[in-house]
Amino acid sequence: MPKTKKTPVKELGASALSQIAPTGKFIACFMPDSCIYQIGAPTSDRESAFVLCSEYRGMDVGIQIFNDKGEPQIFGGKLKPID
């Protein structure tokens, strides 16, 4: 069975500041424990960040997307509606 290559991750730590994306961007993250890991680079598109999260969906880790205010964008496995 061929192995699939996952997007590189970067450890962000466990502080609340770890959940804030750069201005105008979104960060895809997974949380295997109390530490947050960013998947790939920040993106300006929530759907692109959601695709990055899909690499870790189904594993025993939490996934989330954060915006530049630190607000979560995934609820119940779906993207939060845009106001």
N, C-alpha and C. Protein backbone atom coordinates (compact mmCIF):
# COMPACT_ATOMS: atom_id res chain seq x y z
N MET A 1 0.84 -1.18 0.00
CA MET A 1 0.00 0.00 0.00
C MET A 1 0.89 1.24 0.00
N PRO A 2 0.72 2.15 -0.96
CA PRO A 2 1.58 3.33 -1.03
C PRO A 2 1.28 4.30 0.11
N LYS A 3 2.32 4.93 0.60
CA LYS A 3 2.17 5.92 1.67
C LYS A 3 1.85 7.27 1.04
N THR A 4 0.93 8.00 1.65
CA THR A 4 0.63 9.33 1.16
C THR A 4 1.45 10.34 1.94
N LYS A 5 1.97 11.30 1.25
CA LYS A 5 2.79 12.32 1.88
C LYS A 5 1.88 13.42 2.42
N LYS A 6 2.05 13.74 3.69
CA LYS A 6 1.24 14.78 4.32
C LYS A 6 1.94 16.13 4.22
N THR A 7 1.14 17.18 4.26
CA THR A 7 1.67 18.54 4.26
C THR A 7 2.49 18.74 5.53
N PRO A 8 3.66 19.39 5.42
CA PRO A 8 4.48 19.64 6.61
C PRO A 8 3.72 20.46 7.67
N VAL A 9 4.04 20.20 8.92
CA VAL A 9 3.40 20.91 10.03
C VAL A 9 4.45 21.69 10.82
N LYS A 10 3.94 22.67 11.57
CA LYS A 10 4.81 23.50 12.42
C LYS A 10 4.19 23.56 13.80
N GLU A 11 4.97 23.28 14.83
CA GLU A 11 4.47 23.34 16.19
C GLU A 11 4.25 24.81 16.58
N LEU A 12 3.04 25.11 17.08
CA LEU A 12 2.72 26.47 17.49
C LEU A 12 2.73 26.64 19.01
N GLY A 13 2.59 25.55 19.73
CA GLY A 13 2.57 25.62 21.18
C GLY A 13 1.15 25.52 21.72
N ALA A 14 0.99 25.88 22.98
CA ALA A 14 -0.31 25.71 23.63
C ALA A 14 -0.93 27.03 24.07
N SER A 15 -0.30 28.15 23.82
CA SER A 15 -0.85 29.42 24.27
C SER A 15 -1.99 29.88 23.37
N ALA A 16 -2.82 30.76 23.89
CA ALA A 16 -3.95 31.30 23.10
C ALA A 16 -3.44 32.07 21.89
N LEU A 17 -2.24 32.62 21.95
CA LEU A 17 -1.67 33.34 20.81
C LEU A 17 -1.39 32.41 19.64
N SER A 18 -1.28 31.12 19.91
CA SER A 18 -1.06 30.13 18.85
C SER A 18 -2.24 30.01 17.92
N GLN A 19 -3.39 30.49 18.36
CA GLN A 19 -4.62 30.35 17.60
C GLN A 19 -4.93 31.56 16.72
N ILE A 20 -4.01 32.49 16.61
CA ILE A 20 -4.26 33.70 15.83
C ILE A 20 -3.48 33.64 14.53
N ALA A 21 -4.21 33.70 13.42
CA ALA A 21 -3.59 33.68 12.09
C ALA A 21 -3.08 35.09 11.75
N PRO A 22 -2.15 35.20 10.80
CA PRO A 22 -1.74 36.53 10.34
C PRO A 22 -2.95 37.28 9.77
N THR A 23 -2.88 38.59 9.74
CA THR A 23 -3.97 39.44 9.26
C THR A 23 -4.48 38.99 7.89
N GLY A 24 -5.80 38.78 7.82
CA GLY A 24 -6.45 38.39 6.58
C GLY A 24 -6.25 36.94 6.18
N LYS A 25 -5.71 36.12 7.08
CA LYS A 25 -5.41 34.72 6.76
C LYS A 25 -6.15 33.77 7.70
N PHE A 26 -6.08 32.49 7.36
CA PHE A 26 -6.61 31.40 8.17
C PHE A 26 -5.50 30.37 8.34
N ILE A 27 -5.47 29.73 9.51
CA ILE A 27 -4.50 28.65 9.72
C ILE A 27 -5.25 27.35 10.01
N ALA A 28 -4.86 26.30 9.32
CA ALA A 28 -5.39 24.97 9.55
C ALA A 28 -4.54 24.33 10.64
N CYS A 29 -5.19 23.74 11.62
CA CYS A 29 -4.45 23.17 12.76
C CYS A 29 -4.99 21.80 13.15
N PHE A 30 -4.12 21.03 13.78
CA PHE A 30 -4.58 19.82 14.45
C PHE A 30 -3.97 19.81 15.84
N MET A 31 -4.68 19.14 16.76
CA MET A 31 -4.29 19.15 18.17
C MET A 31 -4.29 17.73 18.71
N PRO A 32 -3.13 17.04 18.66
CA PRO A 32 -3.08 15.67 19.17
C PRO A 32 -3.09 15.62 20.70
N ASP A 33 -2.77 16.72 21.33
CA ASP A 33 -2.75 16.81 22.78
C ASP A 33 -2.97 18.28 23.12
N SER A 34 -2.27 18.82 24.09
CA SER A 34 -2.46 20.21 24.45
C SER A 34 -1.69 21.17 23.53
N CYS A 35 -0.91 20.65 22.63
CA CYS A 35 -0.12 21.46 21.72
C CYS A 35 -0.85 21.60 20.37
N ILE A 36 -0.74 22.77 19.76
CA ILE A 36 -1.36 23.03 18.47
C ILE A 36 -0.30 22.98 17.39
N TYR A 37 -0.60 22.30 16.28
CA TYR A 37 0.29 22.20 15.13
C TYR A 37 -0.38 22.81 13.92
N GLN A 38 0.30 23.72 13.25
CA GLN A 38 -0.22 24.33 12.03
C GLN A 38 0.09 23.43 10.84
N ILE A 39 -0.91 23.20 9.99
CA ILE A 39 -0.74 22.38 8.80
C ILE A 39 -0.45 23.31 7.63
N GLY A 40 0.71 23.20 7.05
CA GLY A 40 1.06 24.04 5.90
C GLY A 40 1.19 25.50 6.28
N ALA A 41 1.09 26.36 5.28
CA ALA A 41 1.22 27.81 5.46
C ALA A 41 -0.15 28.44 5.66
N PRO A 42 -0.20 29.63 6.29
CA PRO A 42 -1.47 30.34 6.39
C PRO A 42 -2.04 30.60 4.98
N THR A 43 -3.36 30.59 4.88
CA THR A 43 -4.02 30.78 3.60
C THR A 43 -5.09 31.87 3.71
N SER A 44 -5.39 32.53 2.62
CA SER A 44 -6.42 33.58 2.65
C SER A 44 -7.80 33.00 2.37
N ASP A 45 -7.89 31.70 2.20
CA ASP A 45 -9.14 31.04 1.83
C ASP A 45 -9.49 29.96 2.85
N ARG A 46 -10.68 30.06 3.48
CA ARG A 46 -11.09 29.06 4.48
C ARG A 46 -11.22 27.67 3.89
N GLU A 47 -11.70 27.58 2.66
CA GLU A 47 -11.88 26.28 2.03
C GLU A 47 -10.54 25.58 1.81
N SER A 48 -9.51 26.35 1.45
CA SER A 48 -8.16 25.77 1.30
C SER A 48 -7.66 25.25 2.64
N ALA A 49 -7.92 26.00 3.70
CA ALA A 49 -7.52 25.55 5.04
C ALA A 49 -8.29 24.29 5.43
N PHE A 50 -9.56 24.21 5.03
CA PHE A 50 -10.39 23.04 5.32
C PHE A 50 -9.84 21.80 4.62
N VAL A 51 -9.35 21.98 3.40
CA VAL A 51 -8.74 20.86 2.65
C VAL A 51 -7.49 20.38 3.38
N LEU A 52 -6.68 21.32 3.89
CA LEU A 52 -5.48 20.93 4.65
C LEU A 52 -5.87 20.11 5.88
N CYS A 53 -6.94 20.51 6.55
CA CYS A 53 -7.41 19.78 7.72
C CYS A 53 -7.82 18.35 7.37
N SER A 54 -8.30 18.16 6.14
CA SER A 54 -8.79 16.84 5.75
C SER A 54 -7.70 15.77 5.81
N GLU A 55 -6.44 16.18 5.72
CA GLU A 55 -5.34 15.21 5.82
C GLU A 55 -5.30 14.55 7.19
N TYR A 56 -5.83 15.23 8.20
CA TYR A 56 -5.78 14.71 9.57
C TYR A 56 -7.15 14.30 10.09
N ARG A 57 -8.21 14.55 9.34
CA ARG A 57 -9.55 14.15 9.73
C ARG A 57 -9.61 12.63 9.79
N GLY A 58 -10.29 12.10 10.77
CA GLY A 58 -10.39 10.65 10.91
C GLY A 58 -9.31 10.07 11.79
N MET A 59 -8.27 10.84 12.05
CA MET A 59 -7.24 10.39 12.99
C MET A 59 -7.74 10.75 14.39
N ASP A 60 -7.05 10.31 15.39
CA ASP A 60 -7.47 10.58 16.76
C ASP A 60 -6.92 11.93 17.23
N VAL A 61 -7.19 12.98 16.44
CA VAL A 61 -6.75 14.33 16.79
C VAL A 61 -7.88 15.30 16.46
N GLY A 62 -7.92 16.41 17.18
CA GLY A 62 -8.88 17.45 16.86
C GLY A 62 -8.32 18.32 15.74
N ILE A 63 -9.20 18.78 14.85
CA ILE A 63 -8.78 19.70 13.80
C ILE A 63 -9.56 20.99 13.96
N GLN A 64 -8.95 22.09 13.52
CA GLN A 64 -9.61 23.38 13.63
C GLN A 64 -8.95 24.36 12.67
N ILE A 65 -9.70 25.37 12.28
CA ILE A 65 -9.18 26.50 11.49
C ILE A 65 -9.40 27.73 12.34
N PHE A 66 -8.38 28.58 12.43
CA PHE A 66 -8.50 29.83 13.17
C PHE A 66 -8.30 31.00 12.23
N ASN A 67 -9.04 32.09 12.47
CA ASN A 67 -8.86 33.30 11.66
C ASN A 67 -7.89 34.25 12.37
N ASP A 68 -7.77 35.46 11.84
CA ASP A 68 -6.83 36.43 12.39
C ASP A 68 -7.27 37.04 13.72
N LYS A 69 -8.45 36.64 14.20
CA LYS A 69 -8.92 37.07 15.53
C LYS A 69 -8.85 35.92 16.52
N GLY A 70 -8.39 34.74 16.04
CA GLY A 70 -8.31 33.56 16.90
C GLY A 70 -9.63 32.84 17.04
N GLU A 71 -10.60 33.15 16.17
CA GLU A 71 -11.92 32.53 16.24
C GLU A 71 -11.93 31.20 15.48
N PRO A 72 -12.46 30.13 16.10
CA PRO A 72 -12.55 28.84 15.41
C PRO A 72 -13.53 28.93 14.25
N GLN A 73 -13.25 28.17 13.20
CA GLN A 73 -14.08 28.20 11.99
C GLN A 73 -14.78 26.88 11.70
N ILE A 74 -14.48 25.82 12.47
CA ILE A 74 -15.11 24.52 12.27
C ILE A 74 -15.96 24.18 13.49
N PHE A 75 -17.23 23.87 13.23
CA PHE A 75 -18.15 23.46 14.29
C PHE A 75 -18.89 22.22 13.80
N GLY A 76 -18.86 21.16 14.58
CA GLY A 76 -19.54 19.93 14.20
C GLY A 76 -19.01 19.34 12.90
N GLY A 77 -17.73 19.55 12.64
CA GLY A 77 -17.11 19.00 11.44
C GLY A 77 -17.37 19.80 10.16
N LYS A 78 -18.05 20.93 10.28
CA LYS A 78 -18.37 21.77 9.13
C LYS A 78 -17.89 23.19 9.34
N LEU A 79 -17.64 23.89 8.22
CA LEU A 79 -17.25 25.29 8.32
C LEU A 79 -18.40 26.13 8.88
N LYS A 80 -18.07 27.03 9.76
CA LYS A 80 -19.05 27.96 10.33
C LYS A 80 -19.61 28.83 9.20
N PRO A 81 -20.92 29.07 9.18
CA PRO A 81 -21.47 29.96 8.15
C PRO A 81 -20.87 31.37 8.26
N ILE A 82 -20.66 31.99 7.13
CA ILE A 82 -20.14 33.37 7.12
C ILE A 82 -21.29 34.32 7.31
N ASP A 83 -21.12 35.25 8.22
CA ASP A 83 -22.19 36.24 8.51
C ASP A 83 -22.34 37.22 7.36
